C-alpha atoms as a PDB file:
ATOM      1  CA  MET A   1      35.174  -6.049  47.094  1.00  0.00           C
ATOM      2  CA  ILE A   2      36.033  -8.961  49.357  1.00  0.00           C
ATOM      3  CA  ILE A   3      35.079  -9.998  52.865  1.00  0.00           C
ATOM      4  CA  THR A   4      37.218 -12.560  54.650  1.00  0.00           C
ATOM      5  CA  LEU A   5      35.443 -14.235  57.524  1.00  0.00           C
ATOM      6  CA  SER A   6      37.438 -16.237  60.061  1.00  0.00           C
ATOM      7  CA  TRP A   7      35.406 -18.215  62.573  1.00  0.00           C
ATOM      8  CA  GLN A   8      35.680 -20.523  65.520  1.00  0.00           C
ATOM      9  CA  LEU A   9      33.910 -23.872  65.330  1.00  0.00           C
ATOM     10  CA  GLY A  10      30.548 -23.488  67.081  1.00  0.00           C
ATOM     11  CA  SER A  11      30.497 -19.688  66.757  1.00  0.00           C
ATOM     12  CA  GLU A  12      27.887 -19.825  63.956  1.00  0.00           C
ATOM     13  CA  GLY A  13      30.303 -17.976  61.712  1.00  0.00           C
ATOM     14  CA  ASP A  14      29.386 -20.202  58.775  1.00  0.00           C
ATOM     15  CA  THR A  15      25.714 -19.270  59.126  1.00  0.00           C
ATOM     16  CA  VAL A  16      26.533 -15.574  59.468  1.00  0.00           C
ATOM     17  CA  ALA A  17      28.743 -15.821  56.373  1.00  0.00           C
ATOM     18  CA  ARG A  18      26.022 -17.386  54.231  1.00  0.00           C
ATOM     19  CA  ARG A  19      23.438 -14.823  55.282  1.00  0.00           C
ATOM     20  CA  ALA A  20      25.784 -11.839  54.860  1.00  0.00           C
ATOM     21  CA  ALA A  21      26.887 -13.007  51.400  1.00  0.00           C
ATOM     22  CA  ALA A  22      23.251 -13.395  50.349  1.00  0.00           C
ATOM     23  CA  ALA A  23      22.353  -9.945  51.696  1.00  0.00           C
ATOM     24  CA  LEU A  24      25.206  -8.342  49.759  1.00  0.00           C
ATOM     25  CA  GLY A  25      24.753 -10.430  46.622  1.00  0.00           C
ATOM     26  CA  PHE A  26      28.315 -11.732  46.998  1.00  0.00           C
ATOM     27  CA  LEU A  27      29.669 -15.091  45.897  1.00  0.00           C
ATOM     28  CA  LEU A  28      30.316 -17.291  48.953  1.00  0.00           C
ATOM     29  CA  ILE A  29      33.672 -19.048  48.688  1.00  0.00           C
ATOM     30  CA  ASP A  30      33.930 -22.006  51.074  1.00  0.00           C
ATOM     31  CA  HIS A  31      36.047 -25.169  51.315  1.00  0.00           C
ATOM     32  CA  ALA A  32      34.185 -26.914  48.472  1.00  0.00           C
ATOM     33  CA  GLN A  33      34.933 -24.160  45.952  1.00  0.00           C
ATOM     34  CA  ILE A  34      38.527 -23.817  47.144  1.00  0.00           C
ATOM     35  CA  GLY A  35      38.946 -27.599  46.905  1.00  0.00           C
ATOM     36  CA  SER A  36      37.771 -27.609  43.298  1.00  0.00           C
ATOM     37  CA  ALA A  37      40.053 -24.707  42.428  1.00  0.00           C
ATOM     38  CA  ALA A  38      43.002 -26.354  44.208  1.00  0.00           C
ATOM     39  CA  SER A  39      42.485 -29.521  42.155  1.00  0.00           C
ATOM     40  CA  ALA A  40      42.527 -27.411  38.988  1.00  0.00           C
ATOM     41  CA  ARG A  41      45.820 -25.924  40.158  1.00  0.00           C
ATOM     42  CA  GLY A  42      47.354 -29.383  40.410  1.00  0.00           C
ATOM     43  CA  VAL A  43      46.997 -30.367  44.092  1.00  0.00           C
ATOM     44  CA  PRO A  44      46.735 -34.167  43.755  1.00  0.00           C
ATOM     45  CA  PRO A  45      44.351 -36.299  45.852  1.00  0.00           C
ATOM     46  CA  ASP A  46      47.095 -38.775  46.778  1.00  0.00           C
ATOM     47  CA  LEU A  47      49.142 -35.992  48.381  1.00  0.00           C
ATOM     48  CA  LEU A  48      46.119 -34.838  50.337  1.00  0.00           C
ATOM     49  CA  GLN A  49      45.364 -38.376  51.516  1.00  0.00           C
ATOM     50  CA  ARG A  50      48.963 -39.110  52.516  1.00  0.00           C
ATOM     51  CA  LEU A  51      49.338 -35.980  54.606  1.00  0.00           C
ATOM     52  CA  LEU A  52      45.848 -36.277  56.077  1.00  0.00           C
ATOM     53  CA  TYR A  53      46.508 -39.627  57.773  1.00  0.00           C
ATOM     54  CA  GLU A  54      50.018 -39.404  59.217  1.00  0.00           C
ATOM     55  CA  GLY A  55      48.840 -40.510  62.650  1.00  0.00           C
ATOM     56  CA  HIS A  56      47.358 -37.258  63.957  1.00  0.00           C
ATOM     57  CA  ARG A  57      44.983 -34.628  62.647  1.00  0.00           C
ATOM     58  CA  SER A  58      46.369 -31.232  63.493  1.00  0.00           C
ATOM     59  CA  LEU A  59      47.888 -28.922  60.891  1.00  0.00           C
ATOM     60  CA  ALA A  60      47.878 -31.208  57.870  1.00  0.00           C
ATOM     61  CA  GLY A  61      44.531 -32.796  58.600  1.00  0.00           C
ATOM     62  CA  GLN A  62      42.636 -29.587  59.171  1.00  0.00           C
ATOM     63  CA  PHE A  63      44.307 -27.792  56.268  1.00  0.00           C
ATOM     64  CA  PHE A  64      43.591 -30.502  53.745  1.00  0.00           C
ATOM     65  CA  ASP A  65      40.047 -30.848  55.031  1.00  0.00           C
ATOM     66  CA  THR A  66      39.592 -27.277  53.793  1.00  0.00           C
ATOM     67  CA  LEU A  67      40.878 -28.361  50.395  1.00  0.00           C
ATOM     68  CA  GLY A  68      38.252 -31.097  50.231  1.00  0.00           C
ATOM     69  CA  GLY A  69      40.806 -33.889  50.556  1.00  0.00           C
ATOM     70  CA  GLY A  70      39.136 -36.101  53.176  1.00  0.00           C
ATOM     71  CA  PRO A  71      37.663 -39.555  52.729  1.00  0.00           C
ATOM     72  CA  ALA A  72      34.879 -38.249  50.495  1.00  0.00           C
ATOM     73  CA  ASP A  73      37.468 -37.664  47.788  1.00  0.00           C
ATOM     74  CA  SER A  74      38.876 -41.193  47.900  1.00  0.00           C
ATOM     75  CA  PRO A  75      37.935 -43.687  45.158  1.00  0.00           C
ATOM     76  CA  GLY A  76      34.247 -44.462  45.350  1.00  0.00           C
ATOM     77  CA  GLY A  77      33.514 -41.426  47.535  1.00  0.00           C
ATOM     78  CA  THR A  78      31.448 -38.363  46.775  1.00  0.00           C
ATOM     79  CA  PRO A  79      33.356 -35.983  44.484  1.00  0.00           C
ATOM     80  CA  THR A  80      33.925 -32.367  45.418  1.00  0.00           C
ATOM     81  CA  PRO A  81      31.074 -30.218  44.041  1.00  0.00           C
ATOM     82  CA  PRO A  82      31.854 -28.124  40.947  1.00  0.00           C
ATOM     83  CA  SER A  83      33.161 -24.681  41.787  1.00  0.00           C
ATOM     84  CA  PRO A  84      31.091 -21.632  40.855  1.00  0.00           C
ATOM     85  CA  LEU A  85      34.420 -20.016  39.999  1.00  0.00           C
ATOM     86  CA  GLY A  86      34.265 -21.900  36.721  1.00  0.00           C
ATOM     87  CA  GLY A  87      37.358 -22.736  34.728  1.00  0.00           C
ATOM     88  CA  ILE A  88      39.516 -19.727  35.503  1.00  0.00           C
ATOM     89  CA  PHE A  89      42.036 -21.825  37.442  1.00  0.00           C
ATOM     90  CA  VAL A  90      44.420 -23.971  35.435  1.00  0.00           C
ATOM     91  CA  PRO A  91      47.298 -26.213  36.575  1.00  0.00           C
ATOM     92  CA  VAL A  92      50.491 -24.276  37.209  1.00  0.00           C
ATOM     93  CA  MET A  93      52.835 -27.183  37.980  1.00  0.00           C
ATOM     94  CA  PRO A  94      52.858 -30.961  37.528  1.00  0.00           C
ATOM     95  CA  PRO A  95      50.961 -32.719  40.367  1.00  0.00           C
ATOM     96  CA  ALA A  96      53.970 -34.884  41.225  1.00  0.00           C
ATOM     97  CA  SER A  97      55.983 -31.757  42.054  1.00  0.00           C
ATOM     98  CA  LEU A  98      53.618 -30.470  44.716  1.00  0.00           C
ATOM     99  CA  GLY A  99      54.436 -30.709  48.422  1.00  0.00           C
ATOM    100  CA  LEU A 100      52.772 -29.255  51.509  1.00  0.00           C
ATOM    101  CA  GLN A 101      54.397 -25.830  51.214  1.00  0.00           C
ATOM    102  CA  GLU A 102      53.517 -25.633  47.515  1.00  0.00           C
ATOM    103  CA  ALA A 103      49.930 -26.642  48.271  1.00  0.00           C
ATOM    104  CA  VAL A 104      49.684 -23.891  50.887  1.00  0.00           C
ATOM    105  CA  SER A 105      51.100 -21.376  48.399  1.00  0.00           C
ATOM    106  CA  THR A 106      48.578 -22.551  45.830  1.00  0.00           C
ATOM    107  CA  LEU A 107      45.790 -21.717  48.252  1.00  0.00           C
ATOM    108  CA  GLY A 108      47.144 -18.178  48.544  1.00  0.00           C
ATOM    109  CA  MET A 109      47.295 -17.812  44.765  1.00  0.00           C
ATOM    110  CA  ILE A 110      43.660 -18.901  44.475  1.00  0.00           C
ATOM    111  CA  LEU A 111      42.475 -16.420  47.112  1.00  0.00           C
ATOM    112  CA  LYS A 112      44.407 -13.547  45.540  1.00  0.00           C
ATOM    113  CA  ASP A 113      42.972 -14.413  42.127  1.00  0.00           C
ATOM    114  CA  ILE A 114      39.458 -14.318  43.613  1.00  0.00           C
ATOM    115  CA  ALA A 115      40.207 -10.931  45.206  1.00  0.00           C
ATOM    116  CA  ASN A 116      41.144  -9.529  41.804  1.00  0.00           C
ATOM    117  CA  ARG A 117      38.021 -10.846  40.054  1.00  0.00           C
ATOM    118  CA  GLU A 118      34.981 -11.127  42.291  1.00  0.00           C
ATOM    119  CA  ASN A 119      32.719  -9.547  44.864  1.00  0.00           C
ATOM    120  CA  ALA A 120      32.987 -12.434  47.290  1.00  0.00           C
ATOM    121  CA  LEU A 121      32.888 -13.530  50.901  1.00  0.00           C
ATOM    122  CA  ILE A 122      35.729 -15.949  51.628  1.00  0.00           C
ATOM    123  CA  LEU A 123      34.899 -18.238  54.535  1.00  0.00           C
ATOM    124  CA  GLY A 124      38.034 -19.358  56.365  1.00  0.00           C
ATOM    125  CA  GLN A 125      41.060 -20.521  54.347  1.00  0.00           C
ATOM    126  CA  GLY A 126      43.377 -17.977  56.037  1.00  0.00           C
ATOM    127  CA  GLY A 127      42.001 -15.208  53.852  1.00  0.00           C
ATOM    128  CA  GLN A 128      42.708 -12.554  56.488  1.00  0.00           C
ATOM    129  CA  ALA A 129      46.438 -13.286  56.174  1.00  0.00           C
ATOM    130  CA  TRP A 130      46.668 -13.859  52.420  1.00  0.00           C
ATOM    131  CA  LEU A 131      44.773 -10.629  51.672  1.00  0.00           C
ATOM    132  CA  ARG A 132      46.241  -8.500  54.439  1.00  0.00           C
ATOM    133  CA  GLY A 133      46.666  -4.939  53.198  1.00  0.00           C
ATOM    134  CA  TYR A 134      44.511  -5.390  50.078  1.00  0.00           C
ATOM    135  CA  GLU A 135      42.295  -2.406  49.300  1.00  0.00           C
ATOM    136  CA  GLY A 136      38.576  -3.038  49.440  1.00  0.00           C
ATOM    137  CA  VAL A 137      38.921  -6.096  51.681  1.00  0.00           C
ATOM    138  CA  CYS A 138      37.036  -6.264  54.980  1.00  0.00           C
ATOM    139  CA  HIS A 139      38.390  -8.757  57.521  1.00  0.00           C
ATOM    140  CA  VAL A 140      35.893 -10.174  60.017  1.00  0.00           C
ATOM    141  CA  GLN A 141      36.203 -12.757  62.775  1.00  0.00           C
ATOM    142  CA  ILE A 142      33.309 -14.519  64.511  1.00  0.00           C
ATOM    143  CA  VAL A 143      34.002 -15.891  67.998  1.00  0.00           C
ATOM    144  CA  ALA A 144      32.058 -17.177  70.991  1.00  0.00           C
ATOM    145  CA  PRO A 145      32.910 -18.529  74.466  1.00  0.00           C
ATOM    146  CA  PHE A 146      34.215 -22.092  74.522  1.00  0.00           C
ATOM    147  CA  ALA A 147      31.283 -23.462  76.546  1.00  0.00           C
ATOM    148  CA  VAL A 148      28.767 -21.848  74.200  1.00  0.00           C
ATOM    149  CA  ARG A 149      30.484 -23.326  71.162  1.00  0.00           C
ATOM    150  CA  VAL A 150      30.589 -26.796  72.696  1.00  0.00           C
ATOM    151  CA  ALA A 151      26.893 -26.669  73.538  1.00  0.00           C
ATOM    152  CA  ARG A 152      25.974 -25.510  70.030  1.00  0.00           C
ATOM    153  CA  LEU A 153      28.055 -28.192  68.331  1.00  0.00           C
ATOM    154  CA  ALA A 154      26.682 -30.924  70.594  1.00  0.00           C
ATOM    155  CA  ALA A 155      23.090 -29.845  69.869  1.00  0.00           C
ATOM    156  CA  ARG A 156      23.614 -29.396  66.117  1.00  0.00           C
ATOM    157  CA  GLU A 157      25.339 -32.739  65.534  1.00  0.00           C
ATOM    158  CA  THR A 158      23.801 -34.721  68.404  1.00  0.00           C
ATOM    159  CA  LEU A 159      27.156 -35.292  70.103  1.00  0.00           C
ATOM    160  CA  ALA A 160      28.018 -36.181  73.659  1.00  0.00           C
ATOM    161  CA  PRO A 161      29.382 -33.085  75.436  1.00  0.00           C
ATOM    162  CA  GLU A 162      32.863 -34.593  75.821  1.00  0.00           C
ATOM    163  CA  VAL A 163      33.036 -35.422  72.113  1.00  0.00           C
ATOM    164  CA  ALA A 164      31.956 -31.897  71.236  1.00  0.00           C
ATOM    165  CA  ARG A 165      34.579 -30.470  73.609  1.00  0.00           C
ATOM    166  CA  ARG A 166      37.327 -32.505  71.953  1.00  0.00           C
ATOM    167  CA  ARG A 167      36.234 -31.430  68.473  1.00  0.00           C
ATOM    168  CA  VAL A 168      36.096 -27.739  69.359  1.00  0.00           C
ATOM    169  CA  ARG A 169      39.454 -27.879  71.116  1.00  0.00           C
ATOM    170  CA  ALA A 170      41.090 -29.755  68.215  1.00  0.00           C
ATOM    171  CA  SER A 171      39.680 -27.294  65.696  1.00  0.00           C
ATOM    172  CA  ASP A 172      41.003 -24.317  67.660  1.00  0.00           C
ATOM    173  CA  LEU A 173      44.471 -25.851  67.955  1.00  0.00           C
ATOM    174  CA  ALA A 174      44.649 -26.789  64.284  1.00  0.00           C
ATOM    175  CA  ARG A 175      43.606 -23.369  63.043  1.00  0.00           C
ATOM    176  CA  ALA A 176      46.018 -21.645  65.419  1.00  0.00           C
ATOM    177  CA  ASP A 177      48.823 -23.986  64.292  1.00  0.00           C
ATOM    178  CA  TYR A 178      48.197 -23.321  60.607  1.00  0.00           C
ATOM    179  CA  MET A 179      48.121 -19.534  60.978  1.00  0.00           C
ATOM    180  CA  ALA A 180      51.217 -19.472  63.201  1.00  0.00           C
ATOM    181  CA  ARG A 181      53.219 -21.830  60.994  1.00  0.00           C
ATOM    182  CA  TYR A 182      52.468 -20.353  57.586  1.00  0.00           C
ATOM    183  CA  HIS A 183      51.650 -16.724  58.374  1.00  0.00           C
ATOM    184  CA  GLU A 184      53.413 -16.127  61.714  1.00  0.00           C
ATOM    185  CA  VAL A 185      50.312 -14.564  63.238  1.00  0.00           C
ATOM    186  CA  ASN A 186      48.099 -15.218  66.236  1.00  0.00           C
ATOM    187  CA  TRP A 187      44.803 -16.359  64.746  1.00  0.00           C
ATOM    188  CA  LEU A 188      42.809 -14.662  67.533  1.00  0.00           C
ATOM    189  CA  ASP A 189      44.692 -11.343  67.478  1.00  0.00           C
ATOM    190  CA  PRO A 190      41.934  -8.732  67.014  1.00  0.00           C
ATOM    191  CA  MET A 191      44.409  -6.405  65.297  1.00  0.00           C
ATOM    192  CA  GLN A 192      44.102  -8.568  62.161  1.00  0.00           C
ATOM    193  CA  TYR A 193      40.421  -7.717  61.732  1.00  0.00           C
ATOM    194  CA  HIS A 194      38.217  -4.733  61.004  1.00  0.00           C
ATOM    195  CA  LEU A 195      35.448  -6.346  63.027  1.00  0.00           C
ATOM    196  CA  VAL A 196      35.292  -9.079  65.696  1.00  0.00           C
ATOM    197  CA  ILE A 197      31.833 -10.301  66.736  1.00  0.00           C
ATOM    198  CA  ASN A 198      31.091 -12.413  69.813  1.00  0.00           C
ATOM    199  CA  THR A 199      27.969 -14.429  68.956  1.00  0.00           C
ATOM    200  CA  GLY A 200      27.757 -15.550  72.562  1.00  0.00           C
ATOM    201  CA  MET A 201      26.425 -12.039  73.216  1.00  0.00           C
ATOM    202  CA  THR A 202      25.357 -10.813  69.767  1.00  0.00           C
ATOM    203  CA  PRO A 203      22.205 -12.253  68.153  1.00  0.00           C
ATOM    204  CA  SER A 204      22.599 -13.779  64.710  1.00  0.00           C
ATOM    205  CA  ASP A 205      20.543 -11.084  62.956  1.00  0.00           C
ATOM    206  CA  ALA A 206      22.682  -8.359  64.510  1.00  0.00           C
ATOM    207  CA  ALA A 207      25.891 -10.172  63.566  1.00  0.00           C
ATOM    208  CA  VAL A 208      24.792 -10.368  59.920  1.00  0.00           C
ATOM    209  CA  ALA A 209      23.848  -6.680  59.922  1.00  0.00           C
ATOM    210  CA  LEU A 210      27.220  -5.720  61.414  1.00  0.00           C
ATOM    211  CA  VAL A 211      29.123  -7.653  58.744  1.00  0.00           C
ATOM    212  CA  VAL A 212      27.068  -6.094  55.943  1.00  0.00           C
ATOM    213  CA  HIS A 213      27.487  -2.586  57.365  1.00  0.00           C
ATOM    214  CA  ALA A 214      31.249  -2.957  57.864  1.00  0.00           C
ATOM    215  CA  ALA A 215      31.735  -4.360  54.363  1.00  0.00           C
ATOM    216  CA  GLU A 216      29.743  -1.573  52.737  1.00  0.00           C
ATOM    217  CA  ALA A 217      31.518   1.137  54.737  1.00  0.00           C
ATOM    218  CA  ILE A 218      35.002  -0.198  53.996  1.00  0.00           C
ATOM    219  CA  GLY A 219      34.177  -0.817  50.338  1.00  0.00           C
ATOM    220  CA  HIS A 220      32.919   2.741  49.914  1.00  0.00           C
ATOM    221  CA  ARG A 221      35.898   4.164  51.785  1.00  0.00           C
ATOM    222  CA  THR A 222      38.374   2.468  49.438  1.00  0.00           C
END
């Protein structure tokens, strides 16, 4: 079965995802694995770089960050780690033919392929939209109040509060833009999810337990 876990920056959703995947014995699929798989599907680094730096970092910047196409992938940077998904993804079109819409569609193909092969927890990547209606898929979202998220990010990365506020706000806008533009949904609409957890009120241990319980119940039901 599959869990998709959507999360707000500073909500600790990434930590909850790692712990829940470990508790269930699921493969954790994050941006590094998706980036490796996207490269195997023919998404070229030059396209990622060109769209990433068109003067602002909203939709294109945040989306291609999830594909691993930031500065670390430029010549001389740190390469994207190998994907635990192995070599099951092969190029489906020449790199020169890929544009933004094709790259987005490629992401959907990768996530659907994972859903047909693995017991996995997919962190982010719009999985709740790509796998909407799939049997045996549990959709979870982790949220927290804006002020709580800012404080957590500032403490974790030693940022000035104003810098942390800008980063959280930009992340929220970019994720909302991506989901609205390519899936025509409100990212924060609770009707998209089996479970929404507010970590501003729910301790981390309880959040992990809730995700595990929901996944097991929905997997058994289907």
